[in-house]
Amino acid sequence: MNDAPEPVTVLIRRRVKPGREADYEAWLHRLQAAARGLPGYLGVTTQRPASGAPREYLSAVRFATLADLRAFEASDLRRQALAEVAPLVDGDAAWEELTGLEFWFSAPAGTVVPQPSRPRMALVMIAVVFGLVLSIGSVVNAAFALLPVATPYPLRLLVTISLEVVLMTWWLMPWLSRRLAPWIYPQRRVA
């Protein structure tokens, strides 16, 4: 049994008041800079609203452990940040804690209680990782074979994994998430 603490991701959705987007982004930048010093803080990715979409920002904040997240939730930094952001947003933020693969996938609009299908998430991840390992691994090995000096396997593996993670995080998984969301989230939907 593995008792090692798992990283936790919190999805935070906030609807920004019209005309306050620049102020909100400046607040977000200040909060992210201050959070870098927190124990267990692993980083944040923020998705801006699409053009023509509601003014909803989505931030995925990562902490090394649930205890680190709880410490942030009880911190003065969070209390001050919430007081500062209140005039910039419509209502409270919606928080959702994720501890597994589900942080890769976004629920489709209208999902009542987003509960992703773990077997389906696993199937998508297996297919994606297999495809990337096979294709990128082959390309990296071929590229390193052209070098006049033999390259150690761990270095080739590091380059392969780095390329795969970058592609998965910033391109492939967001793209797949949008297209496969109805299949990953097969629950009830509102009319």
C-alpha atoms as a PDB file:
ATOM      1  CA  MET A   1       0.000   0.000   0.000  1.00  0.00           C
ATOM      2  CA  ASN A   2       1.324   3.411  -0.961  1.00  0.00           C
ATOM      3  CA  ASP A   3       0.935   5.999   1.808  1.00  0.00           C
ATOM      4  CA  ALA A   4       2.806   8.725  -0.075  1.00  0.00           C
ATOM      5  CA  PRO A   5       0.750  11.916  -0.307  1.00  0.00           C
ATOM      6  CA  GLU A   6      -0.706  12.639  -3.744  1.00  0.00           C
ATOM      7  CA  PRO A   7      -0.546  16.017  -5.417  1.00  0.00           C
ATOM      8  CA  VAL A   8      -3.864  17.832  -5.504  1.00  0.00           C
ATOM      9  CA  THR A   9      -5.225  20.166  -8.160  1.00  0.00           C
ATOM     10  CA  VAL A  10      -7.913  22.742  -7.454  1.00  0.00           C
ATOM     11  CA  LEU A  11      -9.968  24.111 -10.326  1.00  0.00           C
ATOM     12  CA  ILE A  12     -11.171  27.627  -9.577  1.00  0.00           C
ATOM     13  CA  ARG A  13     -13.775  29.289 -11.790  1.00  0.00           C
ATOM     14  CA  ARG A  14     -14.472  33.006 -11.463  1.00  0.00           C
ATOM     15  CA  ARG A  15     -16.755  35.249 -13.496  1.00  0.00           C
ATOM     16  CA  VAL A  16     -15.175  38.684 -13.825  1.00  0.00           C
ATOM     17  CA  LYS A  17     -17.294  41.839 -13.968  1.00  0.00           C
ATOM     18  CA  PRO A  18     -17.462  43.547 -17.374  1.00  0.00           C
ATOM     19  CA  GLY A  19     -14.565  45.934 -17.890  1.00  0.00           C
ATOM     20  CA  ARG A  20     -12.615  44.581 -14.900  1.00  0.00           C
ATOM     21  CA  GLU A  21     -10.674  41.905 -16.807  1.00  0.00           C
ATOM     22  CA  ALA A  22      -7.357  43.821 -16.742  1.00  0.00           C
ATOM     23  CA  ASP A  23      -7.720  44.486 -12.997  1.00  0.00           C
ATOM     24  CA  TYR A  24      -8.523  40.820 -12.403  1.00  0.00           C
ATOM     25  CA  GLU A  25      -5.508  39.653 -14.400  1.00  0.00           C
ATOM     26  CA  ALA A  26      -3.247  42.049 -12.457  1.00  0.00           C
ATOM     27  CA  TRP A  27      -4.683  40.664  -9.181  1.00  0.00           C
ATOM     28  CA  LEU A  28      -4.150  37.114 -10.427  1.00  0.00           C
ATOM     29  CA  HIS A  29      -0.535  37.902 -11.324  1.00  0.00           C
ATOM     30  CA  ARG A  30       0.137  39.355  -7.841  1.00  0.00           C
ATOM     31  CA  LEU A  31      -1.465  36.353  -6.128  1.00  0.00           C
ATOM     32  CA  GLN A  32       0.518  33.879  -8.221  1.00  0.00           C
ATOM     33  CA  ALA A  33       3.767  35.694  -7.467  1.00  0.00           C
ATOM     34  CA  ALA A  34       3.025  35.665  -3.721  1.00  0.00           C
ATOM     35  CA  ALA A  35       1.994  31.987  -3.809  1.00  0.00           C
ATOM     36  CA  ARG A  36       5.381  30.911  -5.177  1.00  0.00           C
ATOM     37  CA  GLY A  37       6.753  31.083  -1.642  1.00  0.00           C
ATOM     38  CA  LEU A  38       4.101  28.794  -0.143  1.00  0.00           C
ATOM     39  CA  PRO A  39       5.108  25.305   1.009  1.00  0.00           C
ATOM     40  CA  GLY A  40       4.016  22.660  -1.480  1.00  0.00           C
ATOM     41  CA  TYR A  41       2.839  25.143  -4.138  1.00  0.00           C
ATOM     42  CA  LEU A  42       3.538  23.544  -7.537  1.00  0.00           C
ATOM     43  CA  GLY A  43       2.144  26.213  -9.847  1.00  0.00           C
ATOM     44  CA  VAL A  44      -0.950  27.369 -11.660  1.00  0.00           C
ATOM     45  CA  THR A  45      -2.310  27.394 -15.171  1.00  0.00           C
ATOM     46  CA  THR A  46      -5.005  29.944 -16.003  1.00  0.00           C
ATOM     47  CA  GLN A  47      -7.311  29.782 -18.981  1.00  0.00           C
ATOM     48  CA  ARG A  48      -8.747  33.088 -20.125  1.00  0.00           C
ATOM     49  CA  PRO A  49     -12.287  33.284 -21.467  1.00  0.00           C
ATOM     50  CA  ALA A  50     -12.657  32.549 -25.161  1.00  0.00           C
ATOM     51  CA  SER A  51     -13.733  35.498 -27.290  1.00  0.00           C
ATOM     52  CA  GLY A  52     -17.492  35.851 -27.205  1.00  0.00           C
ATOM     53  CA  ALA A  53     -17.736  33.533 -24.173  1.00  0.00           C
ATOM     54  CA  PRO A  54     -18.774  34.538 -20.651  1.00  0.00           C
ATOM     55  CA  ARG A  55     -16.115  36.364 -18.656  1.00  0.00           C
ATOM     56  CA  GLU A  56     -15.187  33.165 -16.780  1.00  0.00           C
ATOM     57  CA  TYR A  57     -11.571  32.459 -15.912  1.00  0.00           C
ATOM     58  CA  LEU A  58     -10.459  28.938 -15.018  1.00  0.00           C
ATOM     59  CA  SER A  59      -7.336  28.409 -12.913  1.00  0.00           C
ATOM     60  CA  ALA A  60      -5.831  25.000 -12.142  1.00  0.00           C
ATOM     61  CA  VAL A  61      -3.741  25.402  -8.981  1.00  0.00           C
ATOM     62  CA  ARG A  62      -1.483  22.542  -7.931  1.00  0.00           C
ATOM     63  CA  PHE A  63      -0.170  21.679  -4.467  1.00  0.00           C
ATOM     64  CA  ALA A  64       2.149  18.822  -3.493  1.00  0.00           C
ATOM     65  CA  THR A  65      -0.245  17.521  -0.818  1.00  0.00           C
ATOM     66  CA  LEU A  66      -3.736  18.037   0.488  1.00  0.00           C
ATOM     67  CA  ALA A  67      -2.185  19.394   3.714  1.00  0.00           C
ATOM     68  CA  ASP A  68      -0.373  22.088   1.681  1.00  0.00           C
ATOM     69  CA  LEU A  69      -3.675  23.071   0.049  1.00  0.00           C
ATOM     70  CA  ARG A  70      -5.428  23.224   3.429  1.00  0.00           C
ATOM     71  CA  ALA A  71      -2.631  25.433   4.797  1.00  0.00           C
ATOM     72  CA  PHE A  72      -3.136  27.820   1.864  1.00  0.00           C
ATOM     73  CA  GLU A  73      -6.911  27.834   2.410  1.00  0.00           C
ATOM     74  CA  ALA A  74      -6.358  28.895   6.037  1.00  0.00           C
ATOM     75  CA  SER A  75      -3.660  31.465   5.208  1.00  0.00           C
ATOM     76  CA  ASP A  76      -3.719  35.243   5.557  1.00  0.00           C
ATOM     77  CA  LEU A  77      -2.579  35.434   1.936  1.00  0.00           C
ATOM     78  CA  ARG A  78      -5.813  33.790   0.771  1.00  0.00           C
ATOM     79  CA  ARG A  79      -8.003  35.918   3.070  1.00  0.00           C
ATOM     80  CA  GLN A  80      -6.379  39.123   1.798  1.00  0.00           C
ATOM     81  CA  ALA A  81      -6.584  37.980  -1.823  1.00  0.00           C
ATOM     82  CA  LEU A  82     -10.295  37.166  -1.515  1.00  0.00           C
ATOM     83  CA  ALA A  83     -11.005  40.584  -0.002  1.00  0.00           C
ATOM     84  CA  GLU A  84      -9.057  42.277  -2.790  1.00  0.00           C
ATOM     85  CA  VAL A  85     -10.751  40.368  -5.639  1.00  0.00           C
ATOM     86  CA  ALA A  86     -14.343  40.775  -4.387  1.00  0.00           C
ATOM     87  CA  PRO A  87     -15.056  44.052  -6.241  1.00  0.00           C
ATOM     88  CA  LEU A  88     -13.714  42.574  -9.494  1.00  0.00           C
ATOM     89  CA  VAL A  89     -15.895  39.458  -9.732  1.00  0.00           C
ATOM     90  CA  ASP A  90     -19.543  38.417  -9.799  1.00  0.00           C
ATOM     91  CA  GLY A  91     -20.046  36.257  -6.712  1.00  0.00           C
ATOM     92  CA  ASP A  92     -17.829  33.648  -5.125  1.00  0.00           C
ATOM     93  CA  ALA A  93     -15.493  31.372  -7.035  1.00  0.00           C
ATOM     94  CA  ALA A  94     -16.416  27.747  -7.675  1.00  0.00           C
ATOM     95  CA  TRP A  95     -13.720  25.396  -6.310  1.00  0.00           C
ATOM     96  CA  GLU A  96     -13.280  21.769  -7.306  1.00  0.00           C
ATOM     97  CA  GLU A  97     -10.529  19.564  -5.858  1.00  0.00           C
ATOM     98  CA  LEU A  98      -9.023  16.884  -8.083  1.00  0.00           C
ATOM     99  CA  THR A  99      -6.449  14.300  -7.032  1.00  0.00           C
ATOM    100  CA  GLY A 100      -6.229  11.926  -9.987  1.00  0.00           C
ATOM    101  CA  LEU A 101      -6.268  11.991 -13.778  1.00  0.00           C
ATOM    102  CA  GLU A 102      -9.439  14.069 -13.882  1.00  0.00           C
ATOM    103  CA  PHE A 103      -7.511  17.357 -13.929  1.00  0.00           C
ATOM    104  CA  TRP A 104      -6.661  16.631 -17.595  1.00  0.00           C
ATOM    105  CA  PHE A 105     -10.344  16.602 -18.564  1.00  0.00           C
ATOM    106  CA  SER A 106     -12.935  19.396 -18.555  1.00  0.00           C
ATOM    107  CA  ALA A 107     -16.642  18.683 -18.109  1.00  0.00           C
ATOM    108  CA  PRO A 108     -18.923  19.649 -20.999  1.00  0.00           C
ATOM    109  CA  ALA A 109     -21.194  22.641 -20.515  1.00  0.00           C
ATOM    110  CA  GLY A 110     -24.413  21.679 -18.750  1.00  0.00           C
ATOM    111  CA  THR A 111     -22.988  18.805 -16.716  1.00  0.00           C
ATOM    112  CA  VAL A 112     -24.851  18.805 -13.393  1.00  0.00           C
ATOM    113  CA  VAL A 113     -22.228  17.105 -11.201  1.00  0.00           C
ATOM    114  CA  PRO A 114     -19.037  16.507 -13.123  1.00  0.00           C
ATOM    115  CA  GLN A 115     -17.983  12.954 -12.299  1.00  0.00           C
ATOM    116  CA  PRO A 116     -15.624  11.741 -15.004  1.00  0.00           C
ATOM    117  CA  SER A 117     -15.567   8.084 -15.940  1.00  0.00           C
ATOM    118  CA  ARG A 118     -12.251   6.852 -14.568  1.00  0.00           C
ATOM    119  CA  PRO A 119     -12.047   3.864 -16.935  1.00  0.00           C
ATOM    120  CA  ARG A 120     -12.659   6.179 -19.904  1.00  0.00           C
ATOM    121  CA  MET A 121     -10.066   8.695 -18.660  1.00  0.00           C
ATOM    122  CA  ALA A 122      -7.583   5.841 -18.245  1.00  0.00           C
ATOM    123  CA  LEU A 123      -8.342   4.550 -21.743  1.00  0.00           C
ATOM    124  CA  VAL A 124      -7.742   7.998 -23.277  1.00  0.00           C
ATOM    125  CA  MET A 125      -4.526   8.438 -21.294  1.00  0.00           C
ATOM    126  CA  ILE A 126      -3.248   4.982 -22.321  1.00  0.00           C
ATOM    127  CA  ALA A 127      -3.967   5.735 -25.980  1.00  0.00           C
ATOM    128  CA  VAL A 128      -2.360   9.191 -25.787  1.00  0.00           C
ATOM    129  CA  VAL A 129       0.746   8.071 -23.900  1.00  0.00           C
ATOM    130  CA  PHE A 130       1.193   4.998 -26.128  1.00  0.00           C
ATOM    131  CA  GLY A 131       0.892   7.097 -29.282  1.00  0.00           C
ATOM    132  CA  LEU A 132       3.288   9.742 -28.001  1.00  0.00           C
ATOM    133  CA  VAL A 133       5.866   7.263 -26.676  1.00  0.00           C
ATOM    134  CA  LEU A 134       5.821   5.351 -29.941  1.00  0.00           C
ATOM    135  CA  SER A 135       5.987   8.373 -32.247  1.00  0.00           C
ATOM    136  CA  ILE A 136       8.110  10.833 -30.289  1.00  0.00           C
ATOM    137  CA  GLY A 137      10.372   8.098 -28.940  1.00  0.00           C
ATOM    138  CA  SER A 138      11.097   6.946 -32.497  1.00  0.00           C
ATOM    139  CA  VAL A 139      11.786  10.499 -33.692  1.00  0.00           C
ATOM    140  CA  VAL A 140      14.062  11.286 -30.716  1.00  0.00           C
ATOM    141  CA  ASN A 141      15.990   8.022 -31.137  1.00  0.00           C
ATOM    142  CA  ALA A 142      16.413   8.684 -34.868  1.00  0.00           C
ATOM    143  CA  ALA A 143      17.580  12.246 -34.206  1.00  0.00           C
ATOM    144  CA  PHE A 144      20.113  11.149 -31.592  1.00  0.00           C
ATOM    145  CA  ALA A 145      21.346   8.365 -33.916  1.00  0.00           C
ATOM    146  CA  LEU A 146      22.504  11.091 -36.324  1.00  0.00           C
ATOM    147  CA  LEU A 147      24.892  12.488 -33.719  1.00  0.00           C
ATOM    148  CA  PRO A 148      28.529  11.406 -33.991  1.00  0.00           C
ATOM    149  CA  VAL A 149      28.592  10.422 -30.291  1.00  0.00           C
ATOM    150  CA  ALA A 150      26.441   7.736 -28.661  1.00  0.00           C
ATOM    151  CA  THR A 151      23.799   9.324 -26.440  1.00  0.00           C
ATOM    152  CA  PRO A 152      22.984   7.626 -23.125  1.00  0.00           C
ATOM    153  CA  TYR A 153      19.521   6.101 -22.908  1.00  0.00           C
ATOM    154  CA  PRO A 154      18.492   8.181 -19.839  1.00  0.00           C
ATOM    155  CA  LEU A 155      19.131  11.407 -21.776  1.00  0.00           C
ATOM    156  CA  ARG A 156      17.097  10.211 -24.775  1.00  0.00           C
ATOM    157  CA  LEU A 157      14.316   9.176 -22.387  1.00  0.00           C
ATOM    158  CA  LEU A 158      14.376  12.574 -20.654  1.00  0.00           C
ATOM    159  CA  VAL A 159      14.064  14.404 -23.985  1.00  0.00           C
ATOM    160  CA  THR A 160      11.226  12.088 -25.067  1.00  0.00           C
ATOM    161  CA  ILE A 161       9.284  12.509 -21.820  1.00  0.00           C
ATOM    162  CA  SER A 162       9.825  16.284 -21.785  1.00  0.00           C
ATOM    163  CA  LEU A 163       8.426  16.638 -25.305  1.00  0.00           C
ATOM    164  CA  GLU A 164       5.477  14.384 -24.471  1.00  0.00           C
ATOM    165  CA  VAL A 165       4.554  16.270 -21.299  1.00  0.00           C
ATOM    166  CA  VAL A 166       4.748  19.636 -23.080  1.00  0.00           C
ATOM    167  CA  LEU A 167       2.565  18.385 -25.938  1.00  0.00           C
ATOM    168  CA  MET A 168       0.074  16.759 -23.559  1.00  0.00           C
ATOM    169  CA  THR A 169      -0.209  19.736 -21.215  1.00  0.00           C
ATOM    170  CA  TRP A 170      -0.436  22.629 -23.672  1.00  0.00           C
ATOM    171  CA  TRP A 171      -1.914  21.102 -26.784  1.00  0.00           C
ATOM    172  CA  LEU A 172      -3.085  17.497 -26.947  1.00  0.00           C
ATOM    173  CA  MET A 173      -5.020  17.062 -23.681  1.00  0.00           C
ATOM    174  CA  PRO A 174      -6.845  20.424 -23.866  1.00  0.00           C
ATOM    175  CA  TRP A 175      -7.791  19.627 -27.469  1.00  0.00           C
ATOM    176  CA  LEU A 176      -8.903  16.065 -26.630  1.00  0.00           C
ATOM    177  CA  SER A 177     -10.698  17.231 -23.500  1.00  0.00           C
ATOM    178  CA  ARG A 178     -12.944  19.534 -25.511  1.00  0.00           C
ATOM    179  CA  ARG A 179     -13.743  16.856 -28.068  1.00  0.00           C
ATOM    180  CA  LEU A 180     -14.140  13.878 -25.722  1.00  0.00           C
ATOM    181  CA  ALA A 181     -15.846  15.624 -22.785  1.00  0.00           C
ATOM    182  CA  PRO A 182     -19.326  14.182 -23.512  1.00  0.00           C
ATOM    183  CA  TRP A 183     -17.832  10.679 -23.565  1.00  0.00           C
ATOM    184  CA  ILE A 184     -15.614  11.196 -20.479  1.00  0.00           C
ATOM    185  CA  TYR A 185     -18.511  12.768 -18.537  1.00  0.00           C
ATOM    186  CA  PRO A 186     -21.494  10.525 -19.387  1.00  0.00           C
ATOM    187  CA  GLN A 187     -23.646  11.749 -16.438  1.00  0.00           C
ATOM    188  CA  ARG A 188     -26.917  13.603 -16.363  1.00  0.00           C
ATOM    189  CA  ARG A 189     -27.062  16.883 -18.220  1.00  0.00           C
ATOM    190  CA  VAL A 190     -29.401  19.806 -17.751  1.00  0.00           C
ATOM    191  CA  ALA A 191     -31.700  20.722 -20.610  1.00  0.00           C
END
